Amino acid sequence: MSLFDSGIWVGVMTLIGEITFFLILGMLLAAIALAIIAAASITRGKFYLPRILIPGMVLLEGLVKAFCKLLGLDDKDLVTFFITLRNTMNSKAFSEVPVEKRAVFIPHCLRSADCPAHLTPEGLKCRNCGRCAVGENVAWLECVGYRVFIIPGSTFIKRIVKKYRPEAIIGVGCLMEVKDGIDMADRIGIIAVGVVNFKDGCVETVADWAGVRDAALLGLKPPSIPVDLHSPAE
């Protein structure tokens, strides 16, 4: 009698089926629990079990989103919560990285439609022409000690990270760009803090420059910050 005709094969297939069933059930129950925790955190403005939420939401993102919708939360609420959670969790480690090992990535859509800057292999080189708020804020960040890159896409980020190997980055952009950037940084072992734009789009978007400066100053001692740079730009 062959293996396929024996009770052994039936037993193996039954065991595989049972394991698969319990794995799927476990994933569903975990996603429901994570969705409830996320919903409670968003509603009450307080993080519950953050060290469980982060890996759980990464592993079960699709399922968690589905259950969050059932609880009345849309994708934007969940992504905003995810970014805030990751920023909070990463802030201490970010603060411990010397400023010379940090970098800031700014999307090129923040520039004026009349921007005279040209694209280089490391992104746009701002001329600080005064047509938009990018120039003065880039100058501020560079004065504090940051490498600042104005980039048109994630391909540039990967190239620049490979070249300069920063240990911590600040990513500025629209909601999903910031979320994807934090995910990418996590995969390659870089500490990331994200700042979401006030206004999205493809041209003349608006950054939360006060938020960018607050993030930039994490862990920096007052003597290292020029006096005339303490006030955030409008």
C-alpha atoms as a PDB file:
ATOM      1  CA  MET A   1       0.000   0.000   0.000  1.00  0.00           C
ATOM      2  CA  SER A   2       1.446   3.399  -1.005  1.00  0.00           C
ATOM      3  CA  LEU A   3       1.806   6.367   1.262  1.00  0.00           C
ATOM      4  CA  PHE A   4      -1.005   8.194  -0.586  1.00  0.00           C
ATOM      5  CA  ASP A   5      -3.413   5.313   0.130  1.00  0.00           C
ATOM      6  CA  SER A   6      -2.536   5.085   3.788  1.00  0.00           C
ATOM      7  CA  GLY A   7      -3.948   6.807   6.813  1.00  0.00           C
ATOM      8  CA  ILE A   8      -0.608   8.581   7.279  1.00  0.00           C
ATOM      9  CA  TRP A   9      -1.222  10.849   4.305  1.00  0.00           C
ATOM     10  CA  VAL A  10      -4.754  11.636   5.493  1.00  0.00           C
ATOM     11  CA  GLY A  11      -3.399  12.431   8.944  1.00  0.00           C
ATOM     12  CA  VAL A  12      -0.719  14.751   7.551  1.00  0.00           C
ATOM     13  CA  MET A  13      -3.201  16.634   5.399  1.00  0.00           C
ATOM     14  CA  THR A  14      -5.623  16.922   8.305  1.00  0.00           C
ATOM     15  CA  LEU A  15      -2.862  18.327  10.519  1.00  0.00           C
ATOM     16  CA  ILE A  16      -1.836  20.856   7.861  1.00  0.00           C
ATOM     17  CA  GLY A  17      -5.448  21.924   7.486  1.00  0.00           C
ATOM     18  CA  GLU A  18      -5.882  22.361  11.232  1.00  0.00           C
ATOM     19  CA  ILE A  19      -2.670  24.370  11.540  1.00  0.00           C
ATOM     20  CA  THR A  20      -3.712  26.598   8.631  1.00  0.00           C
ATOM     21  CA  PHE A  21      -7.153  27.133  10.177  1.00  0.00           C
ATOM     22  CA  PHE A  22      -5.738  28.145  13.543  1.00  0.00           C
ATOM     23  CA  LEU A  23      -3.145  30.432  11.922  1.00  0.00           C
ATOM     24  CA  ILE A  24      -5.857  32.231   9.969  1.00  0.00           C
ATOM     25  CA  LEU A  25      -8.072  32.415  13.056  1.00  0.00           C
ATOM     26  CA  GLY A  26      -5.170  33.749  15.095  1.00  0.00           C
ATOM     27  CA  MET A  27      -4.422  36.420  12.486  1.00  0.00           C
ATOM     28  CA  LEU A  28      -8.065  37.488  12.411  1.00  0.00           C
ATOM     29  CA  LEU A  29      -8.293  37.699  16.198  1.00  0.00           C
ATOM     30  CA  ALA A  30      -4.981  39.597  16.381  1.00  0.00           C
ATOM     31  CA  ALA A  31      -6.144  42.049  13.699  1.00  0.00           C
ATOM     32  CA  ILE A  32      -9.424  42.630  15.560  1.00  0.00           C
ATOM     33  CA  ALA A  33      -7.533  43.241  18.813  1.00  0.00           C
ATOM     34  CA  LEU A  34      -5.105  45.640  17.096  1.00  0.00           C
ATOM     35  CA  ALA A  35      -7.972  47.508  15.441  1.00  0.00           C
ATOM     36  CA  ILE A  36      -9.708  47.930  18.799  1.00  0.00           C
ATOM     37  CA  ILE A  37      -6.485  49.142  20.449  1.00  0.00           C
ATOM     38  CA  ALA A  38      -5.811  51.558  17.580  1.00  0.00           C
ATOM     39  CA  ALA A  39      -9.379  52.870  17.656  1.00  0.00           C
ATOM     40  CA  ALA A  40      -9.221  53.396  21.422  1.00  0.00           C
ATOM     41  CA  SER A  41      -5.852  55.146  21.103  1.00  0.00           C
ATOM     42  CA  ILE A  42      -7.098  57.480  18.364  1.00  0.00           C
ATOM     43  CA  THR A  43     -10.373  58.252  20.152  1.00  0.00           C
ATOM     44  CA  ARG A  44      -8.763  58.951  23.522  1.00  0.00           C
ATOM     45  CA  GLY A  45      -5.564  60.559  22.230  1.00  0.00           C
ATOM     46  CA  LYS A  46      -3.369  58.121  24.126  1.00  0.00           C
ATOM     47  CA  PHE A  47      -1.154  55.267  22.946  1.00  0.00           C
ATOM     48  CA  TYR A  48      -2.067  51.846  24.290  1.00  0.00           C
ATOM     49  CA  LEU A  49       0.458  48.992  24.009  1.00  0.00           C
ATOM     50  CA  PRO A  50       2.626  50.765  21.403  1.00  0.00           C
ATOM     51  CA  ARG A  51       5.292  48.047  21.317  1.00  0.00           C
ATOM     52  CA  ILE A  52       2.635  45.565  20.255  1.00  0.00           C
ATOM     53  CA  LEU A  53       0.822  47.930  17.916  1.00  0.00           C
ATOM     54  CA  ILE A  54       3.791  48.769  15.694  1.00  0.00           C
ATOM     55  CA  PRO A  55       4.909  45.261  14.657  1.00  0.00           C
ATOM     56  CA  GLY A  56       1.309  44.057  14.620  1.00  0.00           C
ATOM     57  CA  MET A  57       0.163  46.815  12.292  1.00  0.00           C
ATOM     58  CA  VAL A  58       3.133  46.231  10.004  1.00  0.00           C
ATOM     59  CA  LEU A  59       2.455  42.490   9.749  1.00  0.00           C
ATOM     60  CA  LEU A  60      -1.321  42.679   9.544  1.00  0.00           C
ATOM     61  CA  GLU A  61      -1.832  46.111   7.987  1.00  0.00           C
ATOM     62  CA  GLY A  62      -4.496  45.097   5.475  1.00  0.00           C
ATOM     63  CA  LEU A  63      -6.609  43.217   8.009  1.00  0.00           C
ATOM     64  CA  VAL A  64      -6.240  45.938  10.639  1.00  0.00           C
ATOM     65  CA  LYS A  65      -7.370  48.578   8.115  1.00  0.00           C
ATOM     66  CA  ALA A  66     -10.418  46.472   7.241  1.00  0.00           C
ATOM     67  CA  PHE A  67     -11.483  46.069  10.868  1.00  0.00           C
ATOM     68  CA  CYS A  68     -10.756  49.741  11.616  1.00  0.00           C
ATOM     69  CA  LYS A  69     -13.183  50.687   8.847  1.00  0.00           C
ATOM     70  CA  LEU A  70     -15.818  48.568  10.570  1.00  0.00           C
ATOM     71  CA  LEU A  71     -15.112  50.565  13.717  1.00  0.00           C
ATOM     72  CA  GLY A  72     -15.698  53.821  11.858  1.00  0.00           C
ATOM     73  CA  LEU A  73     -12.091  54.827  11.147  1.00  0.00           C
ATOM     74  CA  ASP A  74     -10.926  55.684   7.643  1.00  0.00           C
ATOM     75  CA  ASP A  75      -7.481  55.022   6.181  1.00  0.00           C
ATOM     76  CA  LYS A  76      -6.354  58.599   6.784  1.00  0.00           C
ATOM     77  CA  ASP A  77      -7.104  58.328  10.505  1.00  0.00           C
ATOM     78  CA  LEU A  78      -5.172  55.088  10.769  1.00  0.00           C
ATOM     79  CA  VAL A  79      -2.154  56.281   8.757  1.00  0.00           C
ATOM     80  CA  THR A  80      -1.988  59.520  10.763  1.00  0.00           C
ATOM     81  CA  PHE A  81      -2.099  57.486  13.946  1.00  0.00           C
ATOM     82  CA  PHE A  82       0.627  55.155  12.651  1.00  0.00           C
ATOM     83  CA  ILE A  83       2.942  58.085  11.844  1.00  0.00           C
ATOM     84  CA  THR A  84       2.345  59.740  15.222  1.00  0.00           C
ATOM     85  CA  LEU A  85       2.964  56.441  16.979  1.00  0.00           C
ATOM     86  CA  ARG A  86       6.203  55.786  15.103  1.00  0.00           C
ATOM     87  CA  ASN A  87       7.413  59.333  15.716  1.00  0.00           C
ATOM     88  CA  THR A  88       6.772  58.947  19.425  1.00  0.00           C
ATOM     89  CA  MET A  89       8.518  55.591  19.570  1.00  0.00           C
ATOM     90  CA  ASN A  90      11.503  56.813  17.522  1.00  0.00           C
ATOM     91  CA  SER A  91      12.022  60.211  19.153  1.00  0.00           C
ATOM     92  CA  LYS A  92      14.335  59.020  21.938  1.00  0.00           C
ATOM     93  CA  ALA A  93      16.608  57.057  19.583  1.00  0.00           C
ATOM     94  CA  PHE A  94      16.545  59.944  17.104  1.00  0.00           C
ATOM     95  CA  SER A  95      17.601  62.361  19.847  1.00  0.00           C
ATOM     96  CA  GLU A  96      20.689  60.284  20.575  1.00  0.00           C
ATOM     97  CA  VAL A  97      22.035  60.477  17.005  1.00  0.00           C
ATOM     98  CA  PRO A  98      24.564  63.315  16.445  1.00  0.00           C
ATOM     99  CA  VAL A  99      23.266  65.969  14.087  1.00  0.00           C
ATOM    100  CA  GLU A 100      26.099  65.361  11.616  1.00  0.00           C
ATOM    101  CA  LYS A 101      24.731  61.820  11.147  1.00  0.00           C
ATOM    102  CA  ARG A 102      21.202  63.033  10.414  1.00  0.00           C
ATOM    103  CA  ALA A 103      19.576  64.053   7.133  1.00  0.00           C
ATOM    104  CA  VAL A 104      16.370  65.766   6.042  1.00  0.00           C
ATOM    105  CA  PHE A 105      14.452  64.817   2.893  1.00  0.00           C
ATOM    106  CA  ILE A 106      12.116  67.449   1.489  1.00  0.00           C
ATOM    107  CA  PRO A 107       9.820  66.901  -1.533  1.00  0.00           C
ATOM    108  CA  HIS A 108      10.432  69.117  -4.543  1.00  0.00           C
ATOM    109  CA  CYS A 109       6.689  69.903  -4.771  1.00  0.00           C
ATOM    110  CA  LEU A 110       7.144  72.430  -1.932  1.00  0.00           C
ATOM    111  CA  ARG A 111       9.033  74.825  -4.213  1.00  0.00           C
ATOM    112  CA  SER A 112       7.497  77.696  -6.112  1.00  0.00           C
ATOM    113  CA  ALA A 113       6.152  77.058  -9.597  1.00  0.00           C
ATOM    114  CA  ASP A 114       8.733  79.636 -10.728  1.00  0.00           C
ATOM    115  CA  CYS A 115      11.626  77.925  -8.929  1.00  0.00           C
ATOM    116  CA  PRO A 116      14.940  78.510 -10.756  1.00  0.00           C
ATOM    117  CA  ALA A 117      16.707  75.525  -9.136  1.00  0.00           C
ATOM    118  CA  HIS A 118      18.033  72.711 -11.312  1.00  0.00           C
ATOM    119  CA  LEU A 119      17.948  68.984 -10.671  1.00  0.00           C
ATOM    120  CA  THR A 120      21.252  67.289  -9.795  1.00  0.00           C
ATOM    121  CA  PRO A 121      22.100  63.650  -8.922  1.00  0.00           C
ATOM    122  CA  GLU A 122      21.402  64.587  -5.284  1.00  0.00           C
ATOM    123  CA  GLY A 123      18.149  66.427  -5.918  1.00  0.00           C
ATOM    124  CA  LEU A 124      17.386  70.105  -6.384  1.00  0.00           C
ATOM    125  CA  LYS A 125      19.950  72.653  -5.250  1.00  0.00           C
ATOM    126  CA  CYS A 126      17.958  75.491  -3.689  1.00  0.00           C
ATOM    127  CA  ARG A 127      19.072  79.012  -4.641  1.00  0.00           C
ATOM    128  CA  ASN A 128      17.201  80.602  -1.734  1.00  0.00           C
ATOM    129  CA  CYS A 129      15.577  83.009  -4.173  1.00  0.00           C
ATOM    130  CA  GLY A 130      12.773  83.946  -1.801  1.00  0.00           C
ATOM    131  CA  ARG A 131       9.947  82.701  -4.024  1.00  0.00           C
ATOM    132  CA  CYS A 132       8.896  80.117  -1.414  1.00  0.00           C
ATOM    133  CA  ALA A 133       9.619  79.095   2.171  1.00  0.00           C
ATOM    134  CA  VAL A 134      11.963  76.254   1.209  1.00  0.00           C
ATOM    135  CA  GLY A 135      15.113  78.390   0.975  1.00  0.00           C
ATOM    136  CA  GLU A 136      15.015  79.958   4.432  1.00  0.00           C
ATOM    137  CA  ASN A 137      14.132  76.651   6.080  1.00  0.00           C
ATOM    138  CA  VAL A 138      16.833  74.723   4.247  1.00  0.00           C
ATOM    139  CA  ALA A 139      19.327  77.402   5.331  1.00  0.00           C
ATOM    140  CA  TRP A 140      18.111  77.051   8.926  1.00  0.00           C
ATOM    141  CA  LEU A 141      18.467  73.267   8.889  1.00  0.00           C
ATOM    142  CA  GLU A 142      21.931  73.415   7.338  1.00  0.00           C
ATOM    143  CA  CYS A 143      23.016  76.014   9.898  1.00  0.00           C
ATOM    144  CA  VAL A 144      21.941  73.653  12.675  1.00  0.00           C
ATOM    145  CA  GLY A 145      24.091  70.950  11.077  1.00  0.00           C
ATOM    146  CA  TYR A 146      21.800  68.852   8.888  1.00  0.00           C
ATOM    147  CA  ARG A 147      22.349  67.528   5.403  1.00  0.00           C
ATOM    148  CA  VAL A 148      19.243  68.588   3.492  1.00  0.00           C
ATOM    149  CA  PHE A 149      18.073  67.056   0.232  1.00  0.00           C
ATOM    150  CA  ILE A 150      15.199  68.309  -1.943  1.00  0.00           C
ATOM    151  CA  ILE A 151      14.188  65.238  -3.861  1.00  0.00           C
ATOM    152  CA  PRO A 152      11.632  64.276  -6.540  1.00  0.00           C
ATOM    153  CA  GLY A 153      11.136  60.658  -5.487  1.00  0.00           C
ATOM    154  CA  SER A 154      12.115  57.634  -3.395  1.00  0.00           C
ATOM    155  CA  THR A 155      14.810  56.573  -5.895  1.00  0.00           C
ATOM    156  CA  PHE A 156      16.834  59.627  -4.862  1.00  0.00           C
ATOM    157  CA  ILE A 157      16.393  58.781  -1.180  1.00  0.00           C
ATOM    158  CA  LYS A 158      17.789  55.295  -1.649  1.00  0.00           C
ATOM    159  CA  ARG A 159      20.758  56.611  -3.620  1.00  0.00           C
ATOM    160  CA  ILE A 160      21.548  59.329  -1.078  1.00  0.00           C
ATOM    161  CA  VAL A 161      21.167  56.980   1.904  1.00  0.00           C
ATOM    162  CA  LYS A 162      23.558  54.539   0.234  1.00  0.00           C
ATOM    163  CA  LYS A 163      26.096  57.310  -0.360  1.00  0.00           C
ATOM    164  CA  TYR A 164      25.989  59.193   2.950  1.00  0.00           C
ATOM    165  CA  ARG A 165      24.664  56.462   5.270  1.00  0.00           C
ATOM    166  CA  PRO A 166      22.766  58.682   7.729  1.00  0.00           C
ATOM    167  CA  GLU A 167      21.721  57.045  10.984  1.00  0.00           C
ATOM    168  CA  ALA A 168      18.568  59.136  11.372  1.00  0.00           C
ATOM    169  CA  ILE A 169      16.352  61.015   8.937  1.00  0.00           C
ATOM    170  CA  ILE A 170      13.464  63.452   8.924  1.00  0.00           C
ATOM    171  CA  GLY A 171      11.036  62.824   6.091  1.00  0.00           C
ATOM    172  CA  VAL A 172       8.694  65.573   4.919  1.00  0.00           C
ATOM    173  CA  GLY A 173       5.807  64.931   2.561  1.00  0.00           C
ATOM    174  CA  CYS A 174       2.169  63.988   2.111  1.00  0.00           C
ATOM    175  CA  LEU A 175       0.554  61.443   4.389  1.00  0.00           C
ATOM    176  CA  MET A 176       1.299  58.274   2.415  1.00  0.00           C
ATOM    177  CA  GLU A 177       4.788  59.422   1.384  1.00  0.00           C
ATOM    178  CA  VAL A 178       5.717  59.910   5.031  1.00  0.00           C
ATOM    179  CA  LYS A 179       4.217  56.566   6.029  1.00  0.00           C
ATOM    180  CA  ASP A 180       6.017  54.719   3.212  1.00  0.00           C
ATOM    181  CA  GLY A 181       9.254  56.534   4.060  1.00  0.00           C
ATOM    182  CA  ILE A 182       9.079  55.450   7.695  1.00  0.00           C
ATOM    183  CA  ASP A 183       8.428  51.866   6.573  1.00  0.00           C
ATOM    184  CA  MET A 184      11.401  51.991   4.189  1.00  0.00           C
ATOM    185  CA  ALA A 185      13.687  53.450   6.860  1.00  0.00           C
ATOM    186  CA  ASP A 186      12.643  50.738   9.285  1.00  0.00           C
ATOM    187  CA  ARG A 187      13.470  48.027   6.749  1.00  0.00           C
ATOM    188  CA  ILE A 188      17.013  49.350   6.230  1.00  0.00           C
ATOM    189  CA  GLY A 189      17.687  50.080   9.890  1.00  0.00           C
ATOM    190  CA  ILE A 190      17.499  53.887   9.921  1.00  0.00           C
ATOM    191  CA  ILE A 191      15.680  55.867  12.609  1.00  0.00           C
ATOM    192  CA  ALA A 192      13.004  58.011  10.999  1.00  0.00           C
ATOM    193  CA  VAL A 193      10.715  60.829  12.054  1.00  0.00           C
ATOM    194  CA  GLY A 194       8.022  62.025   9.665  1.00  0.00           C
ATOM    195  CA  VAL A 195       6.379  65.433   9.255  1.00  0.00           C
ATOM    196  CA  VAL A 196       3.198  65.558   7.177  1.00  0.00           C
ATOM    197  CA  ASN A 197       2.497  68.522   4.887  1.00  0.00           C
ATOM    198  CA  PHE A 198      -0.364  70.883   5.629  1.00  0.00           C
ATOM    199  CA  LYS A 199      -1.312  70.849   1.944  1.00  0.00           C
ATOM    200  CA  ASP A 200      -0.817  67.980  -0.497  1.00  0.00           C
ATOM    201  CA  GLY A 201      -0.624  67.994  -4.263  1.00  0.00           C
ATOM    202  CA  CYS A 202       1.952  68.076  -7.032  1.00  0.00           C
ATOM    203  CA  VAL A 203       2.788  71.803  -7.146  1.00  0.00           C
ATOM    204  CA  GLU A 204       3.347  74.419  -4.435  1.00  0.00           C
ATOM    205  CA  THR A 205       2.389  72.189  -1.531  1.00  0.00           C
ATOM    206  CA  VAL A 206       2.709  73.541   2.025  1.00  0.00           C
ATOM    207  CA  ALA A 207       4.974  72.012   4.669  1.00  0.00           C
ATOM    208  CA  ASP A 208       4.556  72.084   8.422  1.00  0.00           C
ATOM    209  CA  TRP A 209       7.834  73.965   8.851  1.00  0.00           C
ATOM    210  CA  ALA A 210       7.313  74.439  12.593  1.00  0.00           C
ATOM    211  CA  GLY A 211       6.944  70.664  12.884  1.00  0.00           C
ATOM    212  CA  VAL A 212      10.093  70.157  10.799  1.00  0.00           C
ATOM    213  CA  ARG A 213      12.086  72.464  13.071  1.00  0.00           C
ATOM    214  CA  ASP A 214      10.716  70.830  16.219  1.00  0.00           C
ATOM    215  CA  ALA A 215      11.796  67.435  14.895  1.00  0.00           C
ATOM    216  CA  ALA A 216      15.188  68.813  13.858  1.00  0.00           C
ATOM    217  CA  LEU A 217      15.876  70.088  17.367  1.00  0.00           C
ATOM    218  CA  LEU A 218      15.259  66.735  19.057  1.00  0.00           C
ATOM    219  CA  GLY A 219      18.221  65.943  21.291  1.00  0.00           C
ATOM    220  CA  LEU A 220      20.182  69.077  20.423  1.00  0.00           C
ATOM    221  CA  LYS A 221      21.557  71.119  23.293  1.00  0.00           C
ATOM    222  CA  PRO A 222      20.772  74.869  23.253  1.00  0.00           C
ATOM    223  CA  PRO A 223      24.458  75.923  22.842  1.00  0.00           C
ATOM    224  CA  SER A 224      24.540  74.136  19.476  1.00  0.00           C
ATOM    225  CA  ILE A 225      21.551  76.109  18.181  1.00  0.00           C
ATOM    226  CA  PRO A 226      22.186  79.638  16.877  1.00  0.00           C
ATOM    227  CA  VAL A 227      20.217  82.189  18.890  1.00  0.00           C
ATOM    228  CA  ASP A 228      18.563  83.775  15.852  1.00  0.00           C
ATOM    229  CA  LEU A 229      17.273  80.396  14.684  1.00  0.00           C
ATOM    230  CA  HIS A 230      15.122  79.518  17.684  1.00  0.00           C
ATOM    231  CA  SER A 231      11.901  80.981  16.268  1.00  0.00           C
ATOM    232  CA  PRO A 232      10.098  78.789  13.726  1.00  0.00           C
ATOM    233  CA  ALA A 233       9.307  80.233  10.317  1.00  0.00           C
ATOM    234  CA  GLU A 234       5.814  81.246   9.454  1.00  0.00           C
END
